[in-house]
Amino acid sequence: MKSLAQLGNELYSGTTSFPFVGRRRLWYAIAGAVVVASIVLIATVGLTPGIDFRGGSEVTVTGLADPAVGPANDVLADEGLSSGASVTTAGSSSVRVQTNELSNDQLTGLSAALADAYGVTDAEVSATTIGPTWSSDVTNKGIRGLVIFFVLVGGLIWAYFRTWKMAVAALAALVHDILITVGVYAASGFEVTPATIIGVLTILGYSLYDTVVVFDKVRENTAGFETQTRSTYGELANLAVNQSLIRSVNTSVVGVLPVASLLVVGAFILGAGTLRDIALTLFIGMIAGTISSLFLATPILVDLRGREKAVKEQAARVAKERGERIAAAGDDPEALAAIAAAPAAAPVIPGHHLGISAQPKRKKKRS
């Protein structure tokens, strides 16, 4: 079995290659199916907006030895506030009650009733109300943040790589990541909170970083590709993805493992809503971002650039050159085997200055 270092060397040299670009139609189909499933989940199950987005009142009871939700549900039923209300545990010693927006008198009465039901003092019960204006403002700012992020990202990538096609490919990968993350979030039933928005923006930055690293390698490999007839643009781009594969996988594993721990601790041990919300978003988004940077971004770029006249003409010259090599080999099995075994793309090592070591040594003058 090959070691990871050996596999990395073979991927970098081109002797081993995975068909990220060659089988892009398959990756498109799989990604499309997952995205459609996410859209269906969002449309049918829907997202559950948190109190910060829908508005309402919230009462939190702390310092409980047994944070059972039964007493809170009984209080809501007695007060006639069960409709639209939710009761959840918050950590190992707190209960959170969320309802529709209540008047000050209703909120005071609910707080007192919850204190009596759980046998705690008024100091251990906190209450707050978020009005529709605040929730609407938070929602608008969240949407505005995403739009500004996409505009800035598209402009920066366009300026950095000097081509709008890389910007379009990167944004398409980001849309894929958002839809999958939101779809899984809808299926989980977790509430959408400001922490969720923070998580989404964070994973977009992570995915973008991964994509830019791959694109930088694509640019390096394809610089001046028109002047050679060994490899096509798509083959050189595929080499770039393979060269970045081990780095992307290692980075993802290192990032996902602590996030997974955070998700388990936040969701099942502490019951901390903020930790749970942001950890789930990061966990799904980091995995989706790694997949899209490898399987979608570069293949989309190759399809966009494949329509260019220069790319088509260079691909035709490569095909002609390969045909001539095969014809020259004739029926020689060794020559044909060597042609078949040669990698479609390999790193080009440019000439470099050899330094003073290549200079002849000066003879010492006799005194």
Protein backbone atom coordinates (compact mmCIF):
# COMPACT_ATOMS: atom_id res chain seq x y z
CA MET A 1 0.00 0.00 0.00
CA LYS A 2 1.32 3.43 -0.95
CA SER A 3 2.17 5.90 1.75
CA LEU A 4 0.51 9.30 1.72
CA ALA A 5 3.83 10.94 0.87
CA GLN A 6 4.39 8.57 -2.06
CA LEU A 7 0.86 9.16 -3.34
CA GLY A 8 1.39 12.91 -3.04
CA ASN A 9 4.61 12.71 -5.07
CA GLU A 10 2.92 10.66 -7.78
CA LEU A 11 -0.04 13.04 -7.94
CA TYR A 12 2.29 16.01 -8.19
CA SER A 13 4.44 14.45 -10.92
CA GLY A 14 1.42 13.29 -12.92
CA THR A 15 2.30 9.57 -12.83
CA THR A 16 -0.91 9.02 -10.85
CA SER A 17 -3.93 11.10 -11.75
CA PHE A 18 -7.59 11.21 -10.80
CA PRO A 19 -9.96 12.37 -13.57
CA PHE A 20 -11.43 15.44 -11.89
CA VAL A 21 -11.79 17.21 -15.23
CA GLY A 22 -12.19 14.17 -17.48
CA ARG A 23 -15.26 12.90 -15.61
CA ARG A 24 -16.75 16.29 -14.86
CA ARG A 25 -20.15 15.35 -16.30
CA LEU A 26 -20.47 12.73 -13.54
CA TRP A 27 -19.48 15.24 -10.85
CA TYR A 28 -21.97 17.76 -12.26
CA ALA A 29 -24.74 15.15 -12.13
CA ILE A 30 -23.97 14.16 -8.53
CA ALA A 31 -23.67 17.78 -7.38
CA GLY A 32 -26.85 18.70 -9.24
CA ALA A 33 -28.78 15.87 -7.58
CA VAL A 34 -27.59 16.89 -4.11
CA VAL A 35 -28.39 20.56 -4.78
CA VAL A 36 -31.89 19.67 -6.03
CA ALA A 37 -32.45 17.56 -2.91
CA SER A 38 -31.36 20.51 -0.77
CA ILE A 39 -33.73 22.86 -2.58
CA VAL A 40 -36.58 20.38 -2.09
CA LEU A 41 -35.79 20.21 1.64
CA ILE A 42 -35.71 23.99 1.90
CA ALA A 43 -39.03 24.29 0.03
CA THR A 44 -40.87 21.49 1.86
CA VAL A 45 -39.38 21.25 5.35
CA GLY A 46 -38.30 24.87 5.42
CA LEU A 47 -35.98 26.73 7.73
CA THR A 48 -36.89 27.44 11.34
CA PRO A 49 -36.07 31.09 12.01
CA GLY A 50 -34.80 31.83 15.49
CA ILE A 51 -36.28 34.50 17.67
CA ASP A 52 -33.72 37.01 16.35
CA PHE A 53 -35.28 36.71 12.90
CA ARG A 54 -38.98 36.21 13.62
CA GLY A 55 -39.30 38.31 16.76
CA GLY A 56 -40.96 37.24 20.00
CA SER A 57 -40.34 36.85 23.72
CA GLU A 58 -37.87 34.61 25.49
CA VAL A 59 -37.64 33.52 29.12
CA THR A 60 -34.63 31.59 30.43
CA VAL A 61 -34.63 29.74 33.76
CA THR A 62 -31.15 28.97 35.13
CA GLY A 63 -29.68 27.14 38.12
CA LEU A 64 -31.79 24.00 37.71
CA ALA A 65 -30.72 20.62 39.04
CA ASP A 66 -33.10 18.93 36.59
CA PRO A 67 -33.76 21.02 33.45
CA ALA A 68 -36.92 19.16 32.44
CA VAL A 69 -39.20 20.79 29.88
CA GLY A 70 -42.43 19.40 31.38
CA PRO A 71 -43.04 22.16 33.95
CA ALA A 72 -42.50 24.87 31.33
CA ASN A 73 -44.97 23.22 28.94
CA ASP A 74 -47.52 23.02 31.77
CA VAL A 75 -47.07 26.73 32.54
CA LEU A 76 -47.53 27.66 28.88
CA ALA A 77 -50.73 25.61 28.73
CA ASP A 78 -52.07 27.23 31.91
CA GLU A 79 -51.25 30.73 30.62
CA GLY A 80 -52.77 29.98 27.20
CA LEU A 81 -49.47 30.64 25.43
CA SER A 82 -48.73 27.21 23.95
CA SER A 83 -49.49 28.28 20.38
CA GLY A 84 -46.25 29.11 18.57
CA ALA A 85 -44.16 28.47 21.69
CA SER A 86 -41.12 26.23 22.05
CA VAL A 87 -39.30 24.89 25.10
CA THR A 88 -35.70 23.69 24.93
CA THR A 89 -32.93 22.89 27.36
CA ALA A 90 -29.90 25.18 27.33
CA GLY A 91 -26.92 23.39 28.77
CA SER A 92 -27.16 21.12 31.78
CA SER A 93 -28.97 23.51 34.13
CA SER A 94 -31.17 25.85 32.09
CA VAL A 95 -34.49 25.85 30.24
CA ARG A 96 -35.34 28.31 27.47
CA VAL A 97 -38.94 29.24 26.64
CA GLN A 98 -39.70 31.14 23.43
CA THR A 99 -43.14 32.48 22.55
CA ASN A 100 -44.79 34.98 20.27
CA GLU A 101 -44.28 38.60 21.28
CA LEU A 102 -45.84 39.22 24.71
CA SER A 103 -46.86 42.39 26.48
CA ASN A 104 -44.92 43.46 29.55
CA ASP A 105 -47.66 42.15 31.88
CA GLN A 106 -47.80 38.79 30.10
CA LEU A 107 -44.00 38.48 30.18
CA THR A 108 -43.89 39.31 33.89
CA GLY A 109 -46.64 36.78 34.66
CA LEU A 110 -44.93 34.05 32.61
CA SER A 111 -41.60 34.68 34.35
CA ALA A 112 -43.20 34.45 37.80
CA ALA A 113 -45.09 31.28 36.88
CA LEU A 114 -41.92 29.63 35.58
CA ALA A 115 -40.03 30.60 38.75
CA ASP A 116 -42.76 28.96 40.86
CA ALA A 117 -42.89 25.86 38.65
CA TYR A 118 -39.15 25.25 38.92
CA GLY A 119 -38.79 26.42 42.51
CA VAL A 120 -36.21 29.14 41.81
CA THR A 121 -35.96 32.80 42.70
CA ASP A 122 -36.86 35.64 40.35
CA ALA A 123 -33.14 36.42 39.99
CA GLU A 124 -32.64 33.11 38.17
CA VAL A 125 -35.28 33.95 35.55
CA SER A 126 -34.38 36.36 32.73
CA ALA A 127 -36.81 37.64 30.11
CA THR A 128 -36.43 39.59 26.90
CA THR A 129 -38.54 40.62 23.92
CA ILE A 130 -37.34 41.11 20.36
CA GLY A 131 -39.70 43.23 18.29
CA PRO A 132 -40.46 42.85 14.58
CA THR A 133 -38.34 45.89 13.68
CA TRP A 134 -35.23 44.38 15.24
CA SER A 135 -35.80 40.95 13.69
CA SER A 136 -36.43 42.49 10.27
CA ASP A 137 -33.24 44.53 10.60
CA VAL A 138 -31.21 41.41 11.48
CA THR A 139 -32.66 39.52 8.50
CA ASN A 140 -31.93 42.34 6.08
CA LYS A 141 -28.39 42.71 7.34
CA GLY A 142 -27.78 38.98 6.96
CA ILE A 143 -28.98 39.00 3.35
CA ARG A 144 -27.05 42.19 2.64
CA GLY A 145 -23.90 40.63 4.06
CA LEU A 146 -24.17 37.63 1.73
CA VAL A 147 -24.78 39.83 -1.33
CA ILE A 148 -21.84 42.11 -0.50
CA PHE A 149 -19.64 39.05 0.09
CA PHE A 150 -20.47 37.62 -3.34
CA VAL A 151 -19.90 40.94 -5.12
CA LEU A 152 -16.55 41.52 -3.43
CA VAL A 153 -15.41 37.95 -4.00
CA GLY A 154 -16.31 38.05 -7.68
CA GLY A 155 -14.51 41.36 -8.16
CA LEU A 156 -11.39 40.34 -6.26
CA ILE A 157 -11.01 37.01 -8.06
CA TRP A 158 -11.55 38.73 -11.40
CA ALA A 159 -8.87 41.29 -10.53
CA TYR A 160 -6.41 38.74 -9.12
CA PHE A 161 -6.60 36.17 -11.91
CA ARG A 162 -7.50 38.71 -14.62
CA THR A 163 -10.33 36.60 -15.98
CA TRP A 164 -14.03 36.66 -15.20
CA LYS A 165 -14.27 32.92 -15.90
CA MET A 166 -12.41 32.01 -12.73
CA ALA A 167 -14.69 34.36 -10.80
CA VAL A 168 -17.80 32.69 -12.24
CA ALA A 169 -16.45 29.20 -11.49
CA ALA A 170 -15.58 30.16 -7.91
CA LEU A 171 -19.00 31.74 -7.31
CA ALA A 172 -20.74 28.67 -8.74
CA ALA A 173 -18.85 26.52 -6.23
CA LEU A 174 -19.87 28.89 -3.41
CA VAL A 175 -23.55 28.70 -4.41
CA HIS A 176 -23.24 24.90 -4.30
CA ASP A 177 -21.79 25.10 -0.78
CA ILE A 178 -24.52 27.45 0.46
CA LEU A 179 -27.41 25.38 -0.91
CA ILE A 180 -26.08 22.12 0.53
CA THR A 181 -25.39 23.70 3.92
CA VAL A 182 -28.82 25.33 4.09
CA GLY A 183 -30.50 22.11 2.93
CA VAL A 184 -28.86 20.04 5.66
CA TYR A 185 -29.69 22.77 8.17
CA ALA A 186 -33.34 22.63 7.13
CA ALA A 187 -33.36 18.84 7.52
CA SER A 188 -31.82 19.08 11.00
CA GLY A 189 -34.62 21.33 12.27
CA PHE A 190 -32.15 23.62 14.05
CA GLU A 191 -33.18 27.25 14.36
CA VAL A 192 -31.53 29.83 12.12
CA THR A 193 -29.73 32.25 14.41
CA PRO A 194 -27.10 34.97 13.94
CA ALA A 195 -24.54 32.26 14.72
CA THR A 196 -25.80 30.39 11.66
CA ILE A 197 -25.15 33.40 9.43
CA ILE A 198 -21.68 33.78 10.92
CA GLY A 199 -21.03 30.11 10.20
CA VAL A 200 -22.19 30.45 6.59
CA LEU A 201 -19.91 33.43 5.97
CA THR A 202 -17.03 31.55 7.59
CA ILE A 203 -17.40 28.44 5.44
CA LEU A 204 -17.70 30.60 2.33
CA GLY A 205 -14.33 32.11 3.17
CA TYR A 206 -12.90 28.63 3.78
CA SER A 207 -14.26 27.28 0.49
CA LEU A 208 -13.03 30.34 -1.37
CA TYR A 209 -9.53 29.91 0.06
CA ASP A 210 -9.45 26.29 -1.09
CA THR A 211 -10.66 27.24 -4.57
CA VAL A 212 -8.17 30.09 -4.94
CA VAL A 213 -5.28 27.78 -4.01
CA VAL A 214 -6.32 25.33 -6.74
CA PHE A 215 -6.88 28.14 -9.26
CA ASP A 216 -3.43 29.54 -8.51
CA LYS A 217 -1.96 26.15 -9.40
CA VAL A 218 -4.10 26.04 -12.55
CA ARG A 219 -2.75 29.43 -13.59
CA GLU A 220 0.82 28.28 -12.93
CA ASN A 221 0.41 25.05 -14.92
CA THR A 222 -1.39 26.62 -17.87
CA ALA A 223 0.84 29.66 -18.32
CA GLY A 224 1.88 29.62 -21.98
CA PHE A 225 0.06 26.35 -22.66
CA GLU A 226 -0.55 27.43 -26.28
CA THR A 227 3.16 27.11 -27.09
CA GLN A 228 3.40 23.35 -26.43
CA THR A 229 1.69 20.28 -27.86
CA ARG A 230 2.16 17.80 -25.03
CA SER A 231 -0.94 18.54 -22.91
CA THR A 232 -4.25 20.30 -23.40
CA TYR A 233 -5.56 23.07 -21.15
CA GLY A 234 -7.95 20.63 -19.48
CA GLU A 235 -5.18 18.11 -18.78
CA LEU A 236 -2.94 20.76 -17.25
CA ALA A 237 -5.85 22.01 -15.12
CA ASN A 238 -6.56 18.45 -13.99
CA LEU A 239 -2.89 18.11 -13.01
CA ALA A 240 -3.27 21.23 -10.87
CA VAL A 241 -6.22 19.72 -8.99
CA ASN A 242 -4.28 16.49 -8.40
CA GLN A 243 -1.29 18.46 -7.16
CA SER A 244 -3.54 20.27 -4.67
CA LEU A 245 -5.47 17.15 -3.59
CA ILE A 246 -3.37 16.03 -0.62
CA ARG A 247 -3.12 19.59 0.73
CA SER A 248 -6.89 20.08 0.44
CA VAL A 249 -7.70 16.77 2.13
CA ASN A 250 -5.21 17.35 4.95
CA THR A 251 -6.48 20.88 5.55
CA SER A 252 -10.09 19.67 5.59
CA VAL A 253 -9.42 16.84 8.02
CA VAL A 254 -7.52 19.14 10.37
CA GLY A 255 -10.39 21.64 10.21
CA VAL A 256 -13.33 19.24 10.36
CA LEU A 257 -12.20 17.16 13.36
CA PRO A 258 -12.28 19.97 15.95
CA VAL A 259 -15.52 21.30 14.45
CA ALA A 260 -17.05 17.82 14.79
CA SER A 261 -15.99 17.77 18.43
CA LEU A 262 -17.52 21.21 18.89
CA LEU A 263 -20.75 19.98 17.30
CA VAL A 264 -20.97 16.94 19.58
CA VAL A 265 -20.18 18.97 22.69
CA GLY A 266 -22.50 21.82 21.76
CA ALA A 267 -25.45 19.72 20.62
CA PHE A 268 -25.44 16.69 22.89
CA ILE A 269 -23.42 17.50 26.00
CA LEU A 270 -23.77 21.20 26.80
CA GLY A 271 -26.89 21.84 24.78
CA ALA A 272 -25.45 25.23 23.90
CA GLY A 273 -27.52 26.59 21.04
CA THR A 274 -24.88 28.99 19.70
CA LEU A 275 -22.17 26.31 19.62
CA ARG A 276 -24.53 23.85 17.97
CA ASP A 277 -25.72 26.29 15.31
CA ILE A 278 -22.31 27.48 14.22
CA ALA A 279 -20.69 24.03 14.50
CA LEU A 280 -23.26 22.33 12.25
CA THR A 281 -22.88 25.07 9.65
CA LEU A 282 -19.09 24.81 9.73
CA PHE A 283 -19.09 21.01 9.66
CA ILE A 284 -21.31 20.70 6.58
CA GLY A 285 -19.88 23.76 4.85
CA MET A 286 -16.23 22.74 5.20
CA ILE A 287 -16.90 19.33 3.70
CA ALA A 288 -18.98 20.80 0.88
CA GLY A 289 -16.35 23.49 0.26
CA THR A 290 -13.55 20.96 -0.10
CA ILE A 291 -15.61 18.86 -2.50
CA SER A 292 -16.63 21.83 -4.64
CA SER A 293 -13.08 23.21 -4.88
CA LEU A 294 -11.85 19.87 -6.23
CA PHE A 295 -14.76 18.47 -8.22
CA LEU A 296 -16.62 21.57 -9.44
CA ALA A 297 -14.62 24.80 -9.58
CA THR A 298 -11.85 23.70 -11.95
CA PRO A 299 -14.09 21.55 -14.21
CA ILE A 300 -16.45 24.53 -14.60
CA LEU A 301 -13.45 26.72 -15.45
CA VAL A 302 -12.30 24.21 -18.08
CA ASP A 303 -15.77 24.19 -19.65
CA LEU A 304 -15.85 27.99 -19.74
CA ARG A 305 -12.39 28.28 -21.27
CA GLY A 306 -12.98 25.34 -23.61
CA ARG A 307 -15.07 27.61 -25.82
CA GLU A 308 -12.11 29.90 -26.51
CA LYS A 309 -10.58 29.70 -29.98
CA ALA A 310 -7.01 29.46 -28.65
CA VAL A 311 -7.90 26.55 -26.35
CA LYS A 312 -9.67 24.67 -29.15
CA GLU A 313 -6.81 25.17 -31.59
CA GLN A 314 -4.20 24.08 -29.06
CA ALA A 315 -6.24 20.95 -28.22
CA ALA A 316 -6.38 20.11 -31.94
CA ARG A 317 -2.59 20.47 -32.22
CA VAL A 318 -2.11 18.19 -29.21
CA ALA A 319 -4.40 15.55 -30.74
CA LYS A 320 -2.53 15.78 -34.05
CA GLU A 321 0.87 15.46 -32.35
CA ARG A 322 -0.27 12.40 -30.40
CA GLY A 323 -1.64 10.81 -33.55
CA GLU A 324 1.69 11.34 -35.29
CA ARG A 325 3.59 9.76 -32.38
CA ILE A 326 1.34 6.71 -32.45
CA ALA A 327 1.73 6.44 -36.23
CA ALA A 328 5.51 6.72 -35.92
CA ALA A 329 5.54 3.93 -33.33
CA GLY A 330 3.90 1.61 -35.85
CA ASP A 331 3.52 -1.92 -34.52
CA ASP A 332 6.35 -1.64 -32.01
CA PRO A 333 4.73 -2.83 -28.74
CA GLU A 334 7.39 -1.21 -26.54
CA ALA A 335 7.00 2.17 -28.21
CA LEU A 336 3.21 1.97 -27.99
CA ALA A 337 3.43 0.92 -24.33
CA ALA A 338 5.73 3.87 -23.58
CA ILE A 339 3.29 6.27 -25.24
CA ALA A 340 0.37 4.80 -23.28
CA ALA A 341 2.28 4.92 -19.97
CA ALA A 342 3.38 8.53 -20.36
CA PRO A 343 1.29 10.92 -18.23
CA ALA A 344 -1.02 13.21 -20.18
CA ALA A 345 0.31 16.15 -18.17
CA ALA A 346 3.40 16.63 -16.04
CA PRO A 347 5.06 19.60 -14.35
CA VAL A 348 7.29 21.65 -16.58
CA ILE A 349 10.59 22.50 -14.90
CA PRO A 350 11.80 25.77 -16.42
CA GLY A 351 15.47 26.54 -16.89
CA HIS A 352 17.09 28.25 -13.98
CA HIS A 353 20.36 29.89 -13.11
CA LEU A 354 22.86 27.37 -11.82
CA GLY A 355 24.71 29.88 -9.69
CA ILE A 356 28.44 30.22 -9.20
CA SER A 357 28.85 26.45 -8.82
CA ALA A 358 28.58 26.15 -12.60
CA GLN A 359 31.36 28.69 -13.17
CA PRO A 360 34.92 27.48 -13.81
CA LYS A 361 37.21 28.04 -10.88
CA ARG A 362 39.75 30.79 -11.24
CA LYS A 363 43.36 29.85 -11.09
CA LYS A 364 45.30 31.46 -8.34
CA LYS A 365 47.94 33.90 -9.51
CA ARG A 366 51.48 33.11 -8.57
CA SER A 367 53.10 35.75 -6.49
